[in-house]
Amino acid sequence: MGPDEAALALERATDQAVEACDGDAWAAVRALLVANAALEEEVARLTSRVSTGYARGRVRTTSTK
C-alpha cells in the first residue's frame, strides 16, 4: 500500500467513525478513545501472560501504577 492509498484508507476510516456516531465528531473521538483504552488493557493482559523465554526478551513488561 503506497502513501496515497494509506491516506485514502485513513480518510475512509475517519468518515466511517464519524458516520457511526451520527455525524458527531466529538462522540466519534470519545468512542475511539474508549476503544483504544480497551485495546491497551487487552495488550497489557496478554503481555503479562507471555513468558519472557517464549518471546525471547522482545516483550517488555511495564509496571502498573
N, C-alpha and C. Protein backbone atom coordinates (compact mmCIF):
# COMPACT_ATOMS: atom_id res chain seq x y z
N MET A 1 0.85 -1.17 0.00
CA MET A 1 0.00 0.00 0.00
C MET A 1 0.89 1.24 0.00
N GLY A 2 0.71 2.09 -0.99
CA GLY A 2 1.50 3.30 -1.09
C GLY A 2 0.98 4.40 -0.18
N PRO A 3 1.72 5.50 -0.12
CA PRO A 3 1.32 6.60 0.76
C PRO A 3 -0.06 7.17 0.40
N ASP A 4 -0.35 7.27 -0.89
CA ASP A 4 -1.66 7.80 -1.31
C ASP A 4 -2.79 6.86 -0.89
N GLU A 5 -2.55 5.56 -1.05
CA GLU A 5 -3.57 4.57 -0.66
C GLU A 5 -3.78 4.57 0.85
N ALA A 6 -2.70 4.71 1.61
CA ALA A 6 -2.80 4.75 3.07
C ALA A 6 -3.57 5.99 3.51
N ALA A 7 -3.31 7.11 2.87
CA ALA A 7 -4.02 8.34 3.21
C ALA A 7 -5.51 8.21 2.89
N LEU A 8 -5.83 7.60 1.75
CA LEU A 8 -7.22 7.40 1.37
C LEU A 8 -7.93 6.45 2.34
N ALA A 9 -7.23 5.40 2.75
CA ALA A 9 -7.81 4.45 3.72
C ALA A 9 -8.07 5.14 5.05
N LEU A 10 -7.18 6.02 5.45
CA LEU A 10 -7.36 6.77 6.70
C LEU A 10 -8.56 7.71 6.59
N GLU A 11 -8.70 8.36 5.44
CA GLU A 11 -9.85 9.24 5.21
C GLU A 11 -11.16 8.46 5.30
N ARG A 12 -11.19 7.28 4.68
CA ARG A 12 -12.39 6.44 4.72
C ARG A 12 -12.72 6.01 6.14
N ALA A 13 -11.70 5.58 6.87
CA ALA A 13 -11.91 5.13 8.25
C ALA A 13 -12.40 6.28 9.12
N THR A 14 -11.89 7.48 8.89
CA THR A 14 -12.33 8.65 9.63
C THR A 14 -13.80 8.93 9.35
N ASP A 15 -14.15 8.92 8.07
CA ASP A 15 -15.55 9.14 7.69
C ASP A 15 -16.47 8.09 8.32
N GLN A 16 -16.02 6.84 8.33
CA GLN A 16 -16.84 5.77 8.90
C GLN A 16 -17.03 5.96 10.40
N ALA A 17 -16.00 6.39 11.09
CA ALA A 17 -16.10 6.61 12.54
C ALA A 17 -17.10 7.72 12.85
N VAL A 18 -17.04 8.80 12.08
CA VAL A 18 -17.96 9.91 12.31
C VAL A 18 -19.38 9.50 11.92
N GLU A 19 -19.53 8.78 10.83
CA GLU A 19 -20.85 8.31 10.41
C GLU A 19 -21.46 7.38 11.46
N ALA A 20 -20.64 6.53 12.07
CA ALA A 20 -21.13 5.61 13.09
C ALA A 20 -21.67 6.35 14.31
N CYS A 21 -21.25 7.60 14.48
CA CYS A 21 -21.71 8.42 15.61
C CYS A 21 -22.67 9.50 15.12
N ASP A 22 -23.39 9.20 14.05
CA ASP A 22 -24.41 10.11 13.50
C ASP A 22 -23.86 11.50 13.19
N GLY A 23 -22.62 11.56 12.71
CA GLY A 23 -22.04 12.83 12.30
C GLY A 23 -21.46 13.66 13.42
N ASP A 24 -21.48 13.15 14.64
CA ASP A 24 -20.95 13.89 15.80
C ASP A 24 -19.47 13.55 15.98
N ALA A 25 -18.61 14.48 15.58
CA ALA A 25 -17.16 14.24 15.65
C ALA A 25 -16.68 14.04 17.08
N TRP A 26 -17.25 14.81 18.04
CA TRP A 26 -16.86 14.67 19.45
C TRP A 26 -17.17 13.26 19.94
N ALA A 27 -18.35 12.76 19.59
CA ALA A 27 -18.74 11.41 20.01
C ALA A 27 -17.84 10.37 19.35
N ALA A 28 -17.43 10.62 18.11
CA ALA A 28 -16.55 9.68 17.42
C ALA A 28 -15.18 9.62 18.10
N VAL A 29 -14.65 10.78 18.47
CA VAL A 29 -13.36 10.81 19.18
C VAL A 29 -13.47 10.09 20.51
N ARG A 30 -14.56 10.35 21.23
CA ARG A 30 -14.77 9.69 22.53
C ARG A 30 -14.84 8.17 22.36
N ALA A 31 -15.60 7.71 21.37
CA ALA A 31 -15.73 6.27 21.12
C ALA A 31 -14.39 5.65 20.77
N LEU A 32 -13.60 6.35 19.98
CA LEU A 32 -12.28 5.83 19.62
C LEU A 32 -11.34 5.78 20.81
N LEU A 33 -11.43 6.77 21.70
CA LEU A 33 -10.60 6.75 22.91
C LEU A 33 -10.99 5.60 23.83
N VAL A 34 -12.29 5.36 23.95
CA VAL A 34 -12.75 4.24 24.78
C VAL A 34 -12.28 2.92 24.19
N ALA A 35 -12.40 2.77 22.88
CA ALA A 35 -11.96 1.54 22.21
C ALA A 35 -10.45 1.36 22.36
N ASN A 36 -9.70 2.44 22.24
CA ASN A 36 -8.25 2.37 22.37
C ASN A 36 -7.85 1.95 23.78
N ALA A 37 -8.53 2.49 24.79
CA ALA A 37 -8.23 2.11 26.17
C ALA A 37 -8.49 0.63 26.40
N ALA A 38 -9.58 0.13 25.82
CA ALA A 38 -9.89 -1.30 25.96
C ALA A 38 -8.82 -2.15 25.29
N LEU A 39 -8.35 -1.72 24.14
CA LEU A 39 -7.29 -2.46 23.44
C LEU A 39 -5.98 -2.42 24.22
N GLU A 40 -5.67 -1.28 24.82
CA GLU A 40 -4.45 -1.18 25.63
C GLU A 40 -4.51 -2.12 26.83
N GLU A 41 -5.68 -2.21 27.45
CA GLU A 41 -5.85 -3.14 28.57
C GLU A 41 -5.68 -4.58 28.11
N GLU A 42 -6.20 -4.91 26.94
CA GLU A 42 -6.08 -6.26 26.41
C GLU A 42 -4.62 -6.59 26.10
N VAL A 43 -3.89 -5.65 25.52
CA VAL A 43 -2.47 -5.86 25.24
C VAL A 43 -1.70 -6.07 26.53
N ALA A 44 -2.00 -5.27 27.54
CA ALA A 44 -1.32 -5.42 28.83
C ALA A 44 -1.62 -6.78 29.44
N ARG A 45 -2.88 -7.20 29.36
CA ARG A 45 -3.26 -8.51 29.91
C ARG A 45 -2.54 -9.63 29.18
N LEU A 46 -2.51 -9.57 27.87
CA LEU A 46 -1.86 -10.63 27.10
C LEU A 46 -0.35 -10.61 27.27
N THR A 47 0.22 -9.40 27.35
CA THR A 47 1.67 -9.28 27.54
C THR A 47 2.09 -9.91 28.86
N SER A 48 1.27 -9.74 29.88
CA SER A 48 1.62 -10.30 31.18
C SER A 48 1.56 -11.82 31.18
N ARG A 49 0.87 -12.39 30.21
CA ARG A 49 0.73 -13.84 30.16
C ARG A 49 1.78 -14.51 29.28
N VAL A 50 2.54 -13.74 28.51
CA VAL A 50 3.55 -14.30 27.61
C VAL A 50 4.85 -14.48 28.39
N SER A 51 5.41 -15.68 28.29
CA SER A 51 6.67 -15.90 29.01
C SER A 51 7.81 -15.19 28.30
N THR A 52 8.75 -14.68 29.09
CA THR A 52 9.89 -13.97 28.52
C THR A 52 10.72 -14.90 27.65
N GLY A 53 10.84 -16.15 28.04
CA GLY A 53 11.60 -17.12 27.25
C GLY A 53 10.97 -17.35 25.89
N TYR A 54 9.67 -17.49 25.85
CA TYR A 54 8.96 -17.71 24.59
C TYR A 54 9.12 -16.50 23.67
N ALA A 55 9.03 -15.32 24.24
CA ALA A 55 9.14 -14.09 23.45
C ALA A 55 10.58 -13.71 23.19
N ARG A 56 11.50 -14.45 23.78
CA ARG A 56 12.94 -14.22 23.62
C ARG A 56 13.34 -12.78 23.98
N GLY A 57 12.70 -12.28 25.04
CA GLY A 57 13.05 -10.96 25.54
C GLY A 57 12.47 -9.81 24.75
N ARG A 58 11.66 -10.08 23.72
CA ARG A 58 11.11 -8.99 22.91
C ARG A 58 9.92 -8.32 23.56
N VAL A 59 9.31 -8.95 24.53
CA VAL A 59 8.15 -8.38 25.20
C VAL A 59 8.64 -7.66 26.44
N ARG A 60 8.37 -6.37 26.49
CA ARG A 60 8.78 -5.59 27.65
C ARG A 60 7.63 -5.53 28.64
N THR A 61 7.95 -5.76 29.86
CA THR A 61 6.92 -5.63 30.89
C THR A 61 6.97 -4.21 31.42
N THR A 62 5.81 -3.66 31.68
CA THR A 62 5.74 -2.31 32.23
C THR A 62 5.12 -2.39 33.61
N SER A 63 5.55 -1.51 34.46
CA SER A 63 4.96 -1.51 35.80
C SER A 63 3.67 -0.73 35.77
N THR A 64 2.69 -1.23 36.50
CA THR A 64 1.43 -0.52 36.60
C THR A 64 1.43 0.32 37.84
N LYS A 65 0.89 1.51 37.72
CA LYS A 65 0.89 2.44 38.85
C LYS A 65 -0.45 2.46 39.50
